[in-house]
Amino acid sequence: MNLWGELAPVELMRTLGHILLALITVGLAPCTHAEQPTAEIRAASDRILGLLHEPALKTDARKSERRQLIRQEFDQLVDWATVARSSLGHHWAKRTRAEKAEFVDVFSRFLEETFVDKIETDYGELDKVDYLGEKIIDEYASVKVQMTTKDQIAHPVEYRLRKEGKSWRVYDVLIEGVSLVKNYRDQFDEILAKSSYEKLVADLRARTPTRAL
């Protein structure tokens, strides 16, 4: 049974594109009173934009290097372990320690490659991003922006972050009220109702290109 169409529908890929476009361009949005969560997102955005615009990294010969540098920025910004655990939902508790570690690795690699692909292909679609504000409650925060494409379609995006030490890390992203984590959790529930966990991991692994060293 080919389950991959259920895992990565066209609409989800389009949503991922919007999310990533908003992430890498939130640094362009005006903000006069940003606190730490927004400041960290903006700093990562600036670094990713710098990598995308660096002439020396635009050649085919250095494409793998540029992608690796962008992935390193995502690794610092995103809490992949929480994203993976939340996306797998109640199925997480059934997995062994080794399986959990494997799933975090495989799923984070899959998401990173998807994200980098969308950044490289869809960046030109964006017209502007407006910073709307942030909210902090204890160790949790949300940062809201609104992105507008060149065809003047506006998309509200909310980044949810949790504080780890002195840093804030993203654990979910919502676009037009739809959670990326919940989107995958619903799909994983449907897939695992029809097939095995091993098949899910194999499909994720098969869809993830081997990283250059």
C-alpha atoms as a PDB file:
ATOM      1  CA  MET A   1       0.000   0.000   0.000  1.00  0.00           C
ATOM      2  CA  ASN A   2       1.359   3.433  -0.942  1.00  0.00           C
ATOM      3  CA  LEU A   3       0.577   5.699   1.990  1.00  0.00           C
ATOM      4  CA  TRP A   4       2.810   8.577   1.038  1.00  0.00           C
ATOM      5  CA  GLY A   5       0.121  10.543  -0.714  1.00  0.00           C
ATOM      6  CA  GLU A   6      -1.650  10.748   2.634  1.00  0.00           C
ATOM      7  CA  LEU A   7       1.482  11.896   4.407  1.00  0.00           C
ATOM      8  CA  ALA A   8       2.443  14.743   2.114  1.00  0.00           C
ATOM      9  CA  PRO A   9      -0.524  16.158   0.180  1.00  0.00           C
ATOM     10  CA  VAL A  10      -0.055  19.128  -2.128  1.00  0.00           C
ATOM     11  CA  GLU A  11      -1.944  21.466   0.216  1.00  0.00           C
ATOM     12  CA  LEU A  12       0.339  20.585   3.125  1.00  0.00           C
ATOM     13  CA  MET A  13       3.411  21.276   1.021  1.00  0.00           C
ATOM     14  CA  ARG A  14       1.933  24.656   0.055  1.00  0.00           C
ATOM     15  CA  THR A  15       1.297  25.395   3.729  1.00  0.00           C
ATOM     16  CA  LEU A  16       4.872  24.485   4.586  1.00  0.00           C
ATOM     17  CA  GLY A  17       6.032  26.884   1.918  1.00  0.00           C
ATOM     18  CA  HIS A  18       4.040  29.731   3.468  1.00  0.00           C
ATOM     19  CA  ILE A  19       5.322  28.914   6.947  1.00  0.00           C
ATOM     20  CA  LEU A  20       8.946  28.899   5.867  1.00  0.00           C
ATOM     21  CA  LEU A  21       8.616  32.041   3.790  1.00  0.00           C
ATOM     22  CA  ALA A  22       7.223  33.826   6.813  1.00  0.00           C
ATOM     23  CA  LEU A  23       9.990  32.475   9.033  1.00  0.00           C
ATOM     24  CA  ILE A  24      12.908  33.592   6.903  1.00  0.00           C
ATOM     25  CA  THR A  25      11.425  37.022   6.208  1.00  0.00           C
ATOM     26  CA  VAL A  26      10.080  37.944   9.646  1.00  0.00           C
ATOM     27  CA  GLY A  27      13.414  39.708  10.071  1.00  0.00           C
ATOM     28  CA  LEU A  28      12.243  42.210   7.447  1.00  0.00           C
ATOM     29  CA  ALA A  29       9.135  43.158   9.402  1.00  0.00           C
ATOM     30  CA  PRO A  30       9.123  46.420  11.381  1.00  0.00           C
ATOM     31  CA  CYS A  31       9.324  45.862  15.134  1.00  0.00           C
ATOM     32  CA  THR A  32      10.059  48.560  17.695  1.00  0.00           C
ATOM     33  CA  HIS A  33       9.557  46.639  20.949  1.00  0.00           C
ATOM     34  CA  ALA A  34      10.585  43.064  20.268  1.00  0.00           C
ATOM     35  CA  GLU A  35      11.507  40.961  23.288  1.00  0.00           C
ATOM     36  CA  GLN A  36      13.642  37.849  23.282  1.00  0.00           C
ATOM     37  CA  PRO A  37      11.422  35.312  21.415  1.00  0.00           C
ATOM     38  CA  THR A  38      10.936  37.601  18.438  1.00  0.00           C
ATOM     39  CA  ALA A  39      14.525  38.778  18.596  1.00  0.00           C
ATOM     40  CA  GLU A  40      15.778  35.191  18.335  1.00  0.00           C
ATOM     41  CA  ILE A  41      13.513  34.418  15.377  1.00  0.00           C
ATOM     42  CA  ARG A  42      14.628  37.629  13.689  1.00  0.00           C
ATOM     43  CA  ALA A  43      18.304  36.830  14.254  1.00  0.00           C
ATOM     44  CA  ALA A  44      17.922  33.351  12.748  1.00  0.00           C
ATOM     45  CA  SER A  45      15.947  34.857   9.863  1.00  0.00           C
ATOM     46  CA  ASP A  46      18.722  37.335   9.139  1.00  0.00           C
ATOM     47  CA  ARG A  47      21.319  34.583   9.087  1.00  0.00           C
ATOM     48  CA  ILE A  48      19.238  32.418   6.724  1.00  0.00           C
ATOM     49  CA  LEU A  49      18.574  35.387   4.444  1.00  0.00           C
ATOM     50  CA  GLY A  50      22.282  36.075   4.419  1.00  0.00           C
ATOM     51  CA  LEU A  51      22.972  32.516   3.293  1.00  0.00           C
ATOM     52  CA  LEU A  52      20.340  32.746   0.543  1.00  0.00           C
ATOM     53  CA  HIS A  53      21.774  36.017  -0.773  1.00  0.00           C
ATOM     54  CA  GLU A  54      25.467  35.159  -0.443  1.00  0.00           C
ATOM     55  CA  PRO A  55      26.799  35.161  -4.049  1.00  0.00           C
ATOM     56  CA  ALA A  56      29.557  32.678  -3.274  1.00  0.00           C
ATOM     57  CA  LEU A  57      26.978  30.107  -2.090  1.00  0.00           C
ATOM     58  CA  LYS A  58      24.673  30.415  -5.112  1.00  0.00           C
ATOM     59  CA  THR A  59      26.798  28.240  -7.385  1.00  0.00           C
ATOM     60  CA  ASP A  60      25.812  24.617  -8.043  1.00  0.00           C
ATOM     61  CA  ALA A  61      29.152  23.513  -6.639  1.00  0.00           C
ATOM     62  CA  ARG A  62      28.313  25.008  -3.217  1.00  0.00           C
ATOM     63  CA  LYS A  63      24.579  24.208  -3.104  1.00  0.00           C
ATOM     64  CA  SER A  64      25.065  21.342  -0.646  1.00  0.00           C
ATOM     65  CA  GLU A  65      27.158  23.573   1.603  1.00  0.00           C
ATOM     66  CA  ARG A  66      24.482  26.283   1.613  1.00  0.00           C
ATOM     67  CA  ARG A  67      21.748  23.765   2.427  1.00  0.00           C
ATOM     68  CA  GLN A  68      23.813  22.360   5.293  1.00  0.00           C
ATOM     69  CA  LEU A  69      24.345  25.849   6.745  1.00  0.00           C
ATOM     70  CA  ILE A  70      20.606  26.572   6.527  1.00  0.00           C
ATOM     71  CA  ARG A  71      19.842  23.267   8.265  1.00  0.00           C
ATOM     72  CA  GLN A  72      22.203  24.234  11.082  1.00  0.00           C
ATOM     73  CA  GLU A  73      20.161  27.395  11.637  1.00  0.00           C
ATOM     74  CA  PHE A  74      16.966  25.343  11.886  1.00  0.00           C
ATOM     75  CA  ASP A  75      18.643  22.966  14.336  1.00  0.00           C
ATOM     76  CA  GLN A  76      19.365  25.898  16.654  1.00  0.00           C
ATOM     77  CA  LEU A  77      15.894  27.415  16.323  1.00  0.00           C
ATOM     78  CA  VAL A  78      13.564  24.396  16.289  1.00  0.00           C
ATOM     79  CA  ASP A  79      13.020  21.899  19.124  1.00  0.00           C
ATOM     80  CA  TRP A  80      12.898  18.852  16.850  1.00  0.00           C
ATOM     81  CA  ALA A  81      12.447  16.373  19.720  1.00  0.00           C
ATOM     82  CA  THR A  82       9.259  18.101  20.895  1.00  0.00           C
ATOM     83  CA  VAL A  83       7.980  18.478  17.317  1.00  0.00           C
ATOM     84  CA  ALA A  84       8.533  14.776  16.656  1.00  0.00           C
ATOM     85  CA  ARG A  85       7.021  13.600  19.957  1.00  0.00           C
ATOM     86  CA  SER A  86       3.957  15.819  19.584  1.00  0.00           C
ATOM     87  CA  SER A  87       3.472  14.856  15.939  1.00  0.00           C
ATOM     88  CA  LEU A  88       3.509  11.141  16.764  1.00  0.00           C
ATOM     89  CA  GLY A  89       0.982  11.736  19.550  1.00  0.00           C
ATOM     90  CA  HIS A  90      -0.177   8.762  21.602  1.00  0.00           C
ATOM     91  CA  HIS A  91       1.878   6.408  19.425  1.00  0.00           C
ATOM     92  CA  TRP A  92       5.033   7.865  21.031  1.00  0.00           C
ATOM     93  CA  ALA A  93       4.457   6.033  24.320  1.00  0.00           C
ATOM     94  CA  LYS A  94       4.440   2.670  22.529  1.00  0.00           C
ATOM     95  CA  ARG A  95       7.931   3.131  21.109  1.00  0.00           C
ATOM     96  CA  THR A  96      11.166   1.989  22.740  1.00  0.00           C
ATOM     97  CA  ARG A  97      13.881   4.467  23.666  1.00  0.00           C
ATOM     98  CA  ALA A  98      15.845   3.521  20.550  1.00  0.00           C
ATOM     99  CA  GLU A  99      12.757   3.898  18.343  1.00  0.00           C
ATOM    100  CA  LYS A 100      12.030   7.336  19.810  1.00  0.00           C
ATOM    101  CA  ALA A 101      15.559   8.503  19.086  1.00  0.00           C
ATOM    102  CA  GLU A 102      15.301   7.091  15.583  1.00  0.00           C
ATOM    103  CA  PHE A 103      11.969   8.813  14.934  1.00  0.00           C
ATOM    104  CA  VAL A 104      13.269  12.206  16.079  1.00  0.00           C
ATOM    105  CA  ASP A 105      16.245  11.833  13.749  1.00  0.00           C
ATOM    106  CA  VAL A 106      14.276  10.603  10.725  1.00  0.00           C
ATOM    107  CA  PHE A 107      11.342  13.008  11.074  1.00  0.00           C
ATOM    108  CA  SER A 108      13.538  16.058  11.716  1.00  0.00           C
ATOM    109  CA  ARG A 109      15.625  15.220   8.653  1.00  0.00           C
ATOM    110  CA  PHE A 110      12.462  14.863   6.572  1.00  0.00           C
ATOM    111  CA  LEU A 111      11.103  18.222   7.765  1.00  0.00           C
ATOM    112  CA  GLU A 112      14.401  20.021   7.320  1.00  0.00           C
ATOM    113  CA  GLU A 113      14.803  18.831   3.734  1.00  0.00           C
ATOM    114  CA  THR A 114      11.197  19.816   3.010  1.00  0.00           C
ATOM    115  CA  PHE A 115      11.750  23.233   4.573  1.00  0.00           C
ATOM    116  CA  VAL A 116      14.984  23.926   2.705  1.00  0.00           C
ATOM    117  CA  ASP A 117      13.418  22.851  -0.602  1.00  0.00           C
ATOM    118  CA  LYS A 118      10.495  25.240  -0.068  1.00  0.00           C
ATOM    119  CA  ILE A 119      12.789  28.106   0.909  1.00  0.00           C
ATOM    120  CA  GLU A 120      14.899  27.706  -2.205  1.00  0.00           C
ATOM    121  CA  THR A 121      11.955  27.399  -4.607  1.00  0.00           C
ATOM    122  CA  ASP A 122       9.264  29.693  -3.123  1.00  0.00           C
ATOM    123  CA  TYR A 123      11.133  32.637  -1.651  1.00  0.00           C
ATOM    124  CA  GLY A 124      10.232  34.859  -4.626  1.00  0.00           C
ATOM    125  CA  GLU A 125       6.485  34.544  -3.924  1.00  0.00           C
ATOM    126  CA  LEU A 126       6.524  36.789  -0.854  1.00  0.00           C
ATOM    127  CA  ASP A 127       5.760  40.524  -0.979  1.00  0.00           C
ATOM    128  CA  LYS A 128       5.949  41.532   2.688  1.00  0.00           C
ATOM    129  CA  VAL A 129       5.690  40.351   6.286  1.00  0.00           C
ATOM    130  CA  ASP A 130       4.143  42.433   9.076  1.00  0.00           C
ATOM    131  CA  TYR A 131       5.071  41.849  12.716  1.00  0.00           C
ATOM    132  CA  LEU A 132       1.900  41.733  14.845  1.00  0.00           C
ATOM    133  CA  GLY A 133       3.259  41.117  18.331  1.00  0.00           C
ATOM    134  CA  GLU A 134       4.275  38.517  20.847  1.00  0.00           C
ATOM    135  CA  LYS A 135       2.952  37.083  24.088  1.00  0.00           C
ATOM    136  CA  ILE A 136       4.974  35.468  26.867  1.00  0.00           C
ATOM    137  CA  ILE A 137       3.530  33.321  29.676  1.00  0.00           C
ATOM    138  CA  ASP A 138       6.192  31.824  31.933  1.00  0.00           C
ATOM    139  CA  GLU A 139       8.414  29.664  29.720  1.00  0.00           C
ATOM    140  CA  TYR A 140       6.052  29.716  26.722  1.00  0.00           C
ATOM    141  CA  ALA A 141       5.673  32.374  24.043  1.00  0.00           C
ATOM    142  CA  SER A 142       3.941  33.067  20.754  1.00  0.00           C
ATOM    143  CA  VAL A 143       5.092  35.370  17.973  1.00  0.00           C
ATOM    144  CA  LYS A 144       2.520  36.478  15.410  1.00  0.00           C
ATOM    145  CA  VAL A 145       3.178  37.795  11.923  1.00  0.00           C
ATOM    146  CA  GLN A 146       1.125  38.302   8.790  1.00  0.00           C
ATOM    147  CA  MET A 147       2.670  37.484   5.428  1.00  0.00           C
ATOM    148  CA  THR A 148       1.367  38.808   2.149  1.00  0.00           C
ATOM    149  CA  THR A 149       2.201  37.185  -1.169  1.00  0.00           C
ATOM    150  CA  LYS A 150       2.769  39.077  -4.404  1.00  0.00           C
ATOM    151  CA  ASP A 151      -0.821  38.333  -5.419  1.00  0.00           C
ATOM    152  CA  GLN A 152      -1.847  40.190  -2.220  1.00  0.00           C
ATOM    153  CA  ILE A 153      -3.143  37.180  -0.306  1.00  0.00           C
ATOM    154  CA  ALA A 154      -2.535  37.575   3.433  1.00  0.00           C
ATOM    155  CA  HIS A 155      -1.669  34.597   5.675  1.00  0.00           C
ATOM    156  CA  PRO A 156      -1.539  34.934   9.494  1.00  0.00           C
ATOM    157  CA  VAL A 157       1.257  32.856  11.010  1.00  0.00           C
ATOM    158  CA  GLU A 158       1.943  32.137  14.669  1.00  0.00           C
ATOM    159  CA  TYR A 159       5.165  30.662  16.019  1.00  0.00           C
ATOM    160  CA  ARG A 160       4.951  28.900  19.371  1.00  0.00           C
ATOM    161  CA  LEU A 161       8.117  28.718  21.399  1.00  0.00           C
ATOM    162  CA  ARG A 162       9.340  27.330  24.708  1.00  0.00           C
ATOM    163  CA  LYS A 163      12.264  28.648  26.708  1.00  0.00           C
ATOM    164  CA  GLU A 164      15.252  26.345  27.153  1.00  0.00           C
ATOM    165  CA  GLY A 165      17.853  27.904  29.385  1.00  0.00           C
ATOM    166  CA  LYS A 166      18.492  31.349  27.918  1.00  0.00           C
ATOM    167  CA  SER A 167      17.135  30.488  24.469  1.00  0.00           C
ATOM    168  CA  TRP A 168      13.666  30.219  22.915  1.00  0.00           C
ATOM    169  CA  ARG A 169      12.971  27.322  20.542  1.00  0.00           C
ATOM    170  CA  VAL A 170      10.056  26.758  18.187  1.00  0.00           C
ATOM    171  CA  TYR A 171       7.895  23.706  18.936  1.00  0.00           C
ATOM    172  CA  ASP A 172       4.943  24.416  16.607  1.00  0.00           C
ATOM    173  CA  VAL A 173       3.827  26.766  13.835  1.00  0.00           C
ATOM    174  CA  LEU A 174       0.242  27.710  12.991  1.00  0.00           C
ATOM    175  CA  ILE A 175      -0.836  29.174   9.675  1.00  0.00           C
ATOM    176  CA  GLU A 176      -4.375  30.489   9.445  1.00  0.00           C
ATOM    177  CA  GLY A 177      -5.016  28.698  12.734  1.00  0.00           C
ATOM    178  CA  VAL A 178      -3.829  25.289  11.499  1.00  0.00           C
ATOM    179  CA  SER A 179      -1.069  23.638  13.548  1.00  0.00           C
ATOM    180  CA  LEU A 180       1.797  22.000  11.669  1.00  0.00           C
ATOM    181  CA  VAL A 181       2.187  19.474  14.503  1.00  0.00           C
ATOM    182  CA  LYS A 182      -1.523  18.626  14.610  1.00  0.00           C
ATOM    183  CA  ASN A 183      -1.590  18.303  10.818  1.00  0.00           C
ATOM    184  CA  TYR A 184       1.093  15.617  10.951  1.00  0.00           C
ATOM    185  CA  ARG A 185      -0.404  13.967  14.050  1.00  0.00           C
ATOM    186  CA  ASP A 186      -3.749  13.539  12.289  1.00  0.00           C
ATOM    187  CA  GLN A 187      -2.032  12.094   9.234  1.00  0.00           C
ATOM    188  CA  PHE A 188       0.136   9.746  11.301  1.00  0.00           C
ATOM    189  CA  ASP A 189      -2.958   8.523  13.164  1.00  0.00           C
ATOM    190  CA  GLU A 190      -4.633   7.703   9.864  1.00  0.00           C
ATOM    191  CA  ILE A 191      -1.560   6.027   8.424  1.00  0.00           C
ATOM    192  CA  LEU A 192      -0.852   3.939  11.535  1.00  0.00           C
ATOM    193  CA  ALA A 193      -4.477   2.779  11.611  1.00  0.00           C
ATOM    194  CA  LYS A 194      -3.840   1.122   8.238  1.00  0.00           C
ATOM    195  CA  SER A 195      -0.162   0.227   8.344  1.00  0.00           C
ATOM    196  CA  SER A 196       2.769  -0.268  10.700  1.00  0.00           C
ATOM    197  CA  TYR A 197       5.067   2.118  12.497  1.00  0.00           C
ATOM    198  CA  GLU A 198       7.985   0.480  10.695  1.00  0.00           C
ATOM    199  CA  LYS A 199       6.368   1.283   7.340  1.00  0.00           C
ATOM    200  CA  LEU A 200       5.877   4.925   8.364  1.00  0.00           C
ATOM    201  CA  VAL A 201       9.537   5.306   9.342  1.00  0.00           C
ATOM    202  CA  ALA A 202      10.669   3.549   6.154  1.00  0.00           C
ATOM    203  CA  ASP A 203       8.579   5.941   4.046  1.00  0.00           C
ATOM    204  CA  LEU A 204       9.952   8.969   5.883  1.00  0.00           C
ATOM    205  CA  ARG A 205      13.484   7.714   5.411  1.00  0.00           C
ATOM    206  CA  ALA A 206      12.935   6.943   1.734  1.00  0.00           C
ATOM    207  CA  ARG A 207      11.645  10.465   1.098  1.00  0.00           C
ATOM    208  CA  THR A 208      14.634  12.131   2.790  1.00  0.00           C
ATOM    209  CA  PRO A 209      17.739  12.733   0.645  1.00  0.00           C
ATOM    210  CA  THR A 210      21.082  11.654   2.058  1.00  0.00           C
ATOM    211  CA  ARG A 211      22.858  14.632   3.547  1.00  0.00           C
ATOM    212  CA  ALA A 212      26.183  15.702   2.200  1.00  0.00           C
ATOM    213  CA  LEU A 213      29.025  15.511   4.705  1.00  0.00           C
END
